[in-house]
N, C-alpha and C. Protein backbone atom coordinates (compact mmCIF):
# COMPACT_ATOMS: atom_id res chain seq x y z
N MET A 1 186.01 141.21 146.76
CA MET A 1 186.96 142.03 147.33
C MET A 1 188.17 141.29 147.74
N LYS A 2 188.30 140.12 147.82
CA LYS A 2 189.49 139.42 147.99
C LYS A 2 190.23 138.92 146.65
N ILE A 3 189.34 138.90 145.62
CA ILE A 3 190.04 138.78 144.41
C ILE A 3 190.69 140.12 144.01
N LEU A 4 190.30 141.02 144.19
CA LEU A 4 190.87 142.33 143.76
C LEU A 4 192.16 142.34 144.76
N LEU A 5 192.25 142.11 145.90
CA LEU A 5 193.14 142.12 146.86
C LEU A 5 194.43 141.24 146.27
N TRP A 6 193.98 139.94 145.76
CA TRP A 6 194.91 139.27 145.42
C TRP A 6 195.51 139.72 144.01
N LEU A 7 194.79 140.21 143.02
CA LEU A 7 195.03 140.77 141.94
C LEU A 7 196.27 141.97 142.13
N LEU A 8 195.87 142.88 143.30
CA LEU A 8 196.73 143.89 143.54
C LEU A 8 197.96 143.40 144.03
N ALA A 9 198.00 142.28 144.96
CA ALA A 9 199.32 141.75 145.33
C ALA A 9 200.15 141.23 144.31
N ILE A 10 199.46 140.35 143.48
CA ILE A 10 200.16 139.69 142.24
C ILE A 10 200.74 140.85 141.51
N GLY A 11 200.01 141.84 141.11
CA GLY A 11 200.51 143.15 140.40
C GLY A 11 201.74 143.68 141.05
N LEU A 12 201.82 143.77 142.40
CA LEU A 12 203.09 144.41 143.05
C LEU A 12 204.09 143.61 143.05
N VAL A 13 203.81 142.17 143.21
CA VAL A 13 205.03 141.26 143.18
C VAL A 13 205.73 141.23 141.83
N LEU A 14 204.82 141.09 140.54
CA LEU A 14 205.35 141.28 139.22
C LEU A 14 206.10 142.57 139.00
N LEU A 15 205.60 143.56 139.75
CA LEU A 15 206.27 144.98 139.39
C LEU A 15 207.68 144.75 140.34
N LEU A 16 207.72 144.28 141.30
CA LEU A 16 209.00 144.06 142.10
C LEU A 16 209.97 143.32 141.40
N MET A 17 209.47 142.03 140.85
CA MET A 17 210.39 141.18 139.94
C MET A 17 210.78 141.78 138.98
N PHE A 18 210.33 142.63 138.18
CA PHE A 18 210.51 143.28 137.11
C PHE A 18 211.57 144.44 137.55
N ALA A 19 211.34 145.04 138.45
CA ALA A 19 212.40 145.91 138.81
C ALA A 19 213.82 145.34 139.39
N ILE A 20 213.63 144.05 139.88
CA ILE A 20 214.97 143.35 140.34
C ILE A 20 215.41 142.95 138.95
N ALA A 21 214.95 142.42 138.14
CA ALA A 21 215.55 141.87 136.79
C ALA A 21 216.14 142.97 136.16
N ASN A 22 215.72 144.20 136.20
CA ASN A 22 216.13 145.32 135.37
C ASN A 22 216.72 146.51 136.18
N TRP A 23 217.34 146.02 137.21
CA TRP A 23 217.80 146.93 138.13
C TRP A 23 218.85 147.83 137.61
N SER A 24 219.87 147.20 136.79
CA SER A 24 221.00 148.10 136.28
C SER A 24 220.39 149.16 135.03
N LEU A 25 219.21 148.94 134.51
CA LEU A 25 218.86 149.84 133.65
C LEU A 25 217.95 150.99 134.51
N LEU A 26 217.15 150.32 135.53
CA LEU A 26 216.50 151.33 136.36
C LEU A 26 217.58 152.53 136.81
N THR A 27 218.65 151.87 137.34
CA THR A 27 219.48 153.02 137.90
C THR A 27 220.40 153.82 137.03
N ALA A 28 220.26 153.30 135.84
CA ALA A 28 221.23 154.05 134.76
C ALA A 28 220.92 155.53 134.78
N THR A 29 221.61 156.50 134.77
CA THR A 29 221.62 157.76 134.85
C THR A 29 221.00 158.36 133.40
N ALA A 30 220.34 159.55 133.51
CA ALA A 30 219.66 159.95 132.32
C ALA A 30 219.44 161.32 132.64
N SER A 31 219.36 162.16 131.66
CA SER A 31 219.03 163.71 131.70
C SER A 31 217.42 163.71 131.84
N LEU A 32 216.85 164.08 132.75
CA LEU A 32 215.52 164.56 133.06
C LEU A 32 215.06 165.72 132.97
N ASN A 33 214.11 166.17 132.16
CA ASN A 33 213.72 167.46 131.91
C ASN A 33 212.21 167.64 132.58
N PHE A 34 212.21 168.50 133.73
CA PHE A 34 210.95 168.77 134.46
C PHE A 34 210.44 170.27 133.92
N LEU A 35 210.25 170.55 132.62
CA LEU A 35 209.85 171.75 131.99
C LEU A 35 210.55 173.04 132.49
N PHE A 36 210.86 173.12 133.84
CA PHE A 36 211.62 174.32 134.35
C PHE A 36 212.92 174.17 134.44
N PHE A 37 213.23 172.94 134.69
CA PHE A 37 214.57 172.54 135.17
C PHE A 37 215.08 171.13 134.43
N THR A 38 216.50 170.96 134.60
CA THR A 38 216.87 169.68 134.09
C THR A 38 217.86 169.08 135.05
N VAL A 39 217.49 167.42 135.32
CA VAL A 39 218.25 167.20 136.30
C VAL A 39 218.92 165.94 135.95
N GLU A 40 220.09 165.38 136.22
CA GLU A 40 220.80 164.27 135.83
C GLU A 40 220.44 163.11 136.88
N GLY A 41 219.73 161.83 136.76
CA GLY A 41 219.40 161.14 137.85
C GLY A 41 218.90 159.55 137.14
N PRO A 42 218.57 158.59 137.71
CA PRO A 42 218.15 157.46 137.41
C PRO A 42 216.63 157.41 137.18
N LEU A 43 216.23 157.53 135.91
CA LEU A 43 214.86 157.66 135.73
C LEU A 43 213.98 156.39 135.79
N GLY A 44 214.36 155.06 136.02
CA GLY A 44 213.67 154.04 136.29
C GLY A 44 213.73 154.30 137.84
N ALA A 45 214.57 154.65 138.71
CA ALA A 45 214.31 154.54 140.09
C ALA A 45 213.41 155.59 140.32
N ILE A 46 213.31 156.64 139.81
CA ILE A 46 212.32 157.75 139.99
C ILE A 46 210.89 157.31 139.50
N LEU A 47 210.98 156.65 138.38
CA LEU A 47 209.32 156.15 138.18
C LEU A 47 209.21 155.02 138.97
N LEU A 48 210.02 154.23 139.55
CA LEU A 48 209.65 152.94 140.45
C LEU A 48 209.04 153.92 141.42
N GLY A 49 209.90 154.77 142.16
CA GLY A 49 209.50 155.46 143.48
C GLY A 49 208.19 156.14 143.36
N ALA A 50 207.89 156.72 141.97
CA ALA A 50 206.54 157.45 141.78
C ALA A 50 205.53 156.46 142.08
N THR A 51 205.70 155.12 141.31
CA THR A 51 204.67 154.31 141.38
C THR A 51 204.46 153.82 142.75
N LEU A 52 205.34 153.44 143.45
CA LEU A 52 205.19 153.04 144.81
C LEU A 52 204.46 154.27 145.70
N VAL A 53 204.74 155.38 145.57
CA VAL A 53 204.04 156.54 146.22
C VAL A 53 202.63 156.61 146.05
N LEU A 54 202.47 156.26 144.63
CA LEU A 54 200.98 156.26 144.11
C LEU A 54 200.26 155.27 144.89
N VAL A 55 200.72 153.96 144.87
CA VAL A 55 200.32 152.90 145.45
C VAL A 55 200.04 153.17 146.98
N ALA A 56 201.03 153.85 147.71
CA ALA A 56 200.85 154.08 149.14
C ALA A 56 199.46 154.92 149.10
N LEU A 57 199.36 156.09 148.16
CA LEU A 57 198.41 157.09 148.54
C LEU A 57 196.96 156.39 148.44
N ALA A 58 197.06 155.55 147.14
CA ALA A 58 195.76 154.61 146.96
C ALA A 58 195.60 153.69 148.22
N ALA A 59 196.41 153.22 148.95
CA ALA A 59 196.26 152.41 150.17
C ALA A 59 195.61 153.21 151.02
N VAL A 60 196.03 154.35 151.39
CA VAL A 60 195.53 155.55 152.47
C VAL A 60 194.36 155.72 152.10
N TYR A 61 194.08 156.09 150.83
CA TYR A 61 192.65 156.56 150.48
C TYR A 61 191.58 155.21 150.80
N VAL A 62 191.85 153.91 150.17
CA VAL A 62 190.97 153.10 150.50
C VAL A 62 190.89 152.65 151.87
N LEU A 63 192.05 153.04 152.84
CA LEU A 63 191.86 152.76 154.22
C LEU A 63 190.64 153.88 154.87
N SER A 64 190.85 155.01 154.39
CA SER A 64 190.00 155.82 155.07
C SER A 64 188.63 155.83 154.24
N LEU A 65 188.12 155.30 153.20
CA LEU A 65 186.94 154.71 152.69
C LEU A 65 186.50 153.59 153.69
N ARG A 66 187.10 152.78 154.11
CA ARG A 66 186.68 151.66 154.67
C ARG A 66 186.48 152.05 156.31
N THR A 67 187.28 153.15 156.85
CA THR A 67 186.96 153.80 158.00
C THR A 67 185.75 154.42 158.12
N THR A 68 185.49 155.07 157.03
CA THR A 68 184.21 155.84 156.97
C THR A 68 182.86 155.15 156.86
N MET A 69 183.13 153.85 156.03
CA MET A 69 182.24 153.16 155.97
C MET A 69 181.71 152.36 157.02
N LEU A 70 182.86 151.88 157.99
CA LEU A 70 182.61 151.32 159.23
C LEU A 70 181.95 152.21 160.15
N MET A 71 182.29 153.62 160.45
CA MET A 71 181.81 154.35 161.08
C MET A 71 180.24 154.55 160.89
N GLU A 72 179.96 154.72 159.67
CA GLU A 72 178.86 154.75 159.09
C GLU A 72 177.71 153.76 159.54
N MET A 73 178.34 152.48 159.21
CA MET A 73 177.74 151.40 159.62
C MET A 73 177.45 151.01 161.03
N ARG A 74 178.34 151.61 161.79
CA ARG A 74 177.91 151.63 163.17
C ARG A 74 176.96 152.69 163.69
N ARG A 75 176.96 153.81 163.08
CA ARG A 75 175.91 154.99 163.34
C ARG A 75 174.53 154.09 162.89
N HIS A 76 174.38 153.51 161.63
CA HIS A 76 173.29 152.95 161.49
C HIS A 76 172.80 151.71 162.36
N THR A 77 173.80 150.91 162.59
CA THR A 77 173.50 149.85 163.62
C THR A 77 172.89 150.35 164.88
N LYS A 78 173.41 151.80 165.69
CA LYS A 78 172.97 152.23 166.70
C LYS A 78 171.35 152.82 166.45
N GLU A 79 171.31 153.49 165.33
CA GLU A 79 169.90 153.78 165.03
C GLU A 79 168.95 152.69 164.86
N LEU A 80 169.02 151.63 164.13
CA LEU A 80 168.57 150.39 164.18
C LEU A 80 168.12 150.16 165.47
N GLU A 81 169.06 149.87 166.38
CA GLU A 81 168.83 149.24 167.77
C GLU A 81 167.92 150.24 168.29
N ALA A 82 168.07 151.48 168.21
CA ALA A 82 167.19 152.54 168.74
C ALA A 82 165.69 152.15 168.35
N GLN A 83 165.58 152.11 167.08
CA GLN A 83 164.17 151.95 166.52
C GLN A 83 163.80 150.25 166.80
N ARG A 84 164.47 149.47 167.09
CA ARG A 84 164.20 148.07 167.51
C ARG A 84 163.61 148.31 168.96
N ALA A 85 164.22 148.95 169.93
CA ALA A 85 164.02 149.27 171.17
C ALA A 85 162.53 149.99 171.13
N LEU A 86 162.34 150.94 170.59
CA LEU A 86 161.16 151.95 170.22
C LEU A 86 159.88 150.87 169.80
N ALA A 87 160.20 150.07 168.79
CA ALA A 87 159.21 149.06 168.49
C ALA A 87 158.97 147.98 169.54
N ASP A 88 159.80 147.79 170.20
CA ASP A 88 159.76 146.57 171.30
C ASP A 88 158.65 147.32 172.40
N SER A 89 159.09 148.39 172.71
CA SER A 89 158.39 149.12 173.73
C SER A 89 156.79 149.48 173.49
N ALA A 90 156.72 149.80 172.21
CA ALA A 90 155.56 149.91 171.61
C ALA A 90 154.52 148.71 171.69
N GLU A 91 155.21 147.69 171.33
CA GLU A 91 154.32 146.25 171.22
C GLU A 91 154.06 145.98 172.74
N SER A 92 155.07 146.41 173.48
CA SER A 92 154.80 145.93 174.94
C SER A 92 153.54 146.82 175.53
N SER A 93 153.64 148.01 175.08
CA SER A 93 152.35 148.88 175.53
C SER A 93 151.28 148.49 175.08
N ARG A 94 151.12 147.68 173.91
CA ARG A 94 150.14 147.27 173.09
C ARG A 94 149.83 146.02 173.80
N PHE A 95 150.60 145.29 174.22
CA PHE A 95 150.05 143.99 174.72
C PHE A 95 149.61 144.45 176.46
N THR A 96 150.06 145.38 177.05
CA THR A 96 149.66 145.73 178.29
C THR A 96 148.15 146.22 178.24
N GLU A 97 147.91 147.05 176.99
CA GLU A 97 146.70 147.76 176.76
C GLU A 97 145.45 146.71 176.50
N LEU A 98 146.11 145.54 175.56
CA LEU A 98 145.35 144.50 175.22
C LEU A 98 144.97 143.89 176.49
N ARG A 99 145.87 143.42 177.59
CA ARG A 99 145.58 142.82 178.67
C ARG A 99 144.84 143.33 179.45
N MET A 100 144.90 144.76 179.73
CA MET A 100 143.52 145.56 180.45
C MET A 100 142.28 145.46 179.83
N ARG A 101 142.31 145.43 178.58
CA ARG A 101 140.95 145.46 177.91
C ARG A 101 140.46 144.13 178.25
N ILE A 102 141.11 142.93 177.89
CA ILE A 102 140.53 141.55 178.27
C ILE A 102 140.31 141.59 179.57
N ASP A 103 140.95 142.15 180.76
CA ASP A 103 140.44 141.99 182.12
C ASP A 103 139.18 142.80 182.23
N ALA A 104 139.00 143.95 181.66
CA ALA A 104 137.76 144.76 181.83
C ALA A 104 136.71 143.92 181.06
N LEU A 105 136.88 143.39 179.86
CA LEU A 105 135.64 142.39 179.27
C LEU A 105 135.39 141.25 180.15
N GLU A 106 136.40 140.59 180.83
CA GLU A 106 136.19 139.73 181.52
C GLU A 106 135.44 140.00 182.81
N ALA A 107 135.68 141.21 183.60
CA ALA A 107 135.19 141.57 184.71
C ALA A 107 133.56 141.81 184.24
N LYS A 108 133.37 142.57 183.05
CA LYS A 108 131.72 142.68 182.43
C LYS A 108 131.09 141.45 182.33
N LEU A 109 131.74 140.36 181.75
CA LEU A 109 131.31 139.05 181.65
C LEU A 109 130.85 138.47 183.07
N LEU A 110 131.77 138.58 183.87
CA LEU A 110 131.51 137.93 185.00
C LEU A 110 130.45 138.75 185.60
N GLU A 111 130.26 139.85 185.82
CA GLU A 111 129.21 140.63 186.51
C GLU A 111 127.82 140.32 185.48
N ALA A 112 127.74 140.25 184.18
CA ALA A 112 126.63 139.88 183.40
C ALA A 112 126.38 138.26 183.84
N LEU A 113 127.28 137.56 183.79
CA LEU A 113 126.78 136.06 184.26
C LEU A 113 126.55 136.12 185.92
N ALA A 114 126.75 136.89 186.67
CA ALA A 114 126.26 136.99 187.95
C ALA A 114 124.95 137.54 187.83
N GLU A 115 124.44 138.48 187.11
CA GLU A 115 123.19 138.92 187.02
C GLU A 115 122.31 138.12 186.39
N THR A 116 122.69 137.21 185.35
CA THR A 116 121.81 136.46 184.92
C THR A 116 121.74 135.00 185.83
N THR A 117 122.81 134.68 186.59
CA THR A 117 122.41 133.48 187.49
C THR A 117 121.38 134.18 188.43
N ASN A 118 121.68 135.46 189.25
CA ASN A 118 120.57 136.02 189.94
C ASN A 118 119.10 136.02 189.48
N SER A 119 119.08 136.37 187.98
CA SER A 119 117.75 136.68 187.45
C SER A 119 117.15 135.11 187.21
N VAL A 120 117.86 134.19 187.11
CA VAL A 120 117.42 132.77 186.78
C VAL A 120 116.94 132.10 188.11
N SER A 121 117.54 132.47 189.23
CA SER A 121 117.41 131.97 190.37
C SER A 121 116.16 132.56 190.89
N ALA A 122 116.07 133.92 190.72
CA ALA A 122 114.72 134.46 191.14
C ALA A 122 113.63 133.94 190.24
N TYR A 123 113.77 133.70 188.98
CA TYR A 123 112.55 133.04 188.35
C TYR A 123 112.30 131.88 188.61
N MET A 124 113.34 131.06 189.15
CA MET A 124 113.08 129.62 189.48
C MET A 124 112.46 129.73 190.96
N GLY A 125 112.69 130.72 191.63
CA GLY A 125 112.16 131.03 192.92
C GLY A 125 110.65 131.31 192.92
N GLU A 126 110.34 132.08 191.72
CA GLU A 126 108.94 132.44 191.64
C GLU A 126 108.05 131.11 191.00
N VAL A 127 108.90 130.52 190.37
CA VAL A 127 107.90 129.26 189.69
C VAL A 127 107.88 128.17 190.77
N ASP A 128 108.73 128.01 191.69
CA ASP A 128 108.54 127.16 192.86
C ASP A 128 107.28 127.56 193.57
N GLU A 129 107.30 128.94 194.11
CA GLU A 129 106.37 129.52 194.85
C GLU A 129 104.96 129.24 194.05
N LYS A 130 104.89 129.85 192.65
CA LYS A 130 103.56 129.27 191.96
C LYS A 130 103.41 128.08 192.01
N LEU A 131 104.32 127.06 191.93
CA LEU A 131 103.89 125.64 192.09
C LEU A 131 103.48 125.26 193.29
N ASP A 132 103.99 125.87 194.57
CA ASP A 132 103.50 125.68 195.65
C ASP A 132 102.19 125.99 195.95
N ARG A 133 101.81 127.19 195.41
CA ARG A 133 100.38 127.64 195.62
C ARG A 133 99.41 127.10 194.94
N LEU A 134 99.83 126.54 193.48
CA LEU A 134 99.00 125.70 192.86
C LEU A 134 98.94 124.20 193.61
N SER A 135 99.89 123.83 194.13
CA SER A 135 99.57 122.37 194.71
C SER A 135 98.79 122.48 196.06
N THR A 136 99.04 123.66 196.68
CA THR A 136 98.33 123.59 197.85
C THR A 136 96.82 124.09 197.79
N ALA A 137 96.56 124.69 196.46
CA ALA A 137 95.28 125.05 195.89
C ALA A 137 94.43 123.71 195.65
N ASN A 138 95.16 122.73 195.10
CA ASN A 138 94.65 121.39 194.66
C ASN A 138 94.61 120.36 195.73
N GLY A 139 95.44 120.86 196.69
CA GLY A 139 95.38 119.86 197.88
C GLY A 139 96.58 118.86 197.80
N ARG A 140 97.41 119.07 196.72
CA ARG A 140 98.64 117.79 196.64
C ARG A 140 99.97 118.70 196.94
N THR A 141 100.57 117.76 197.49
CA THR A 141 102.02 118.36 197.89
C THR A 141 103.03 117.92 196.94
N LEU A 142 103.83 118.47 196.32
CA LEU A 142 104.92 118.16 195.29
C LEU A 142 106.19 117.82 196.26
N PRO A 143 106.80 116.71 195.74
CA PRO A 143 108.09 116.37 196.49
C PRO A 143 109.18 117.18 196.27
N ASN A 144 109.93 117.43 197.26
CA ASN A 144 111.31 118.45 197.12
C ASN A 144 112.23 117.98 196.33
N ALA A 145 112.78 118.80 195.48
CA ALA A 145 113.96 118.03 194.57
C ALA A 145 115.14 118.49 195.10
């Protein structure tokens, strides 16, 4: 883009230098035919003026395109931010759901561990009772551990 801008600036400077160098020819009067009427005037000055008007129109067109592009880019940026916020909230809700599921699994695991501990304690109690009955039946006492 910068190269195009430099080329345009150089072209305009060259056109200006050409107009200054040939100003006497540009301002020379000539008979100008506009198909429906004829006018006496400086042909070069009229063509130079038309060129400058076309350059100004091109500049206005480029500025309008640039403005449209910037407005569209701003709209796309807003849409992207909205989509990013939506994705972040969805991710946050997935993390919350995952945390709740992990907590539920942890509670179930702790409950199962407590049941297992109670079962093992009950079995150990039964084994102790059986050992005590066997030892009293044989007349021996076992040391308490």
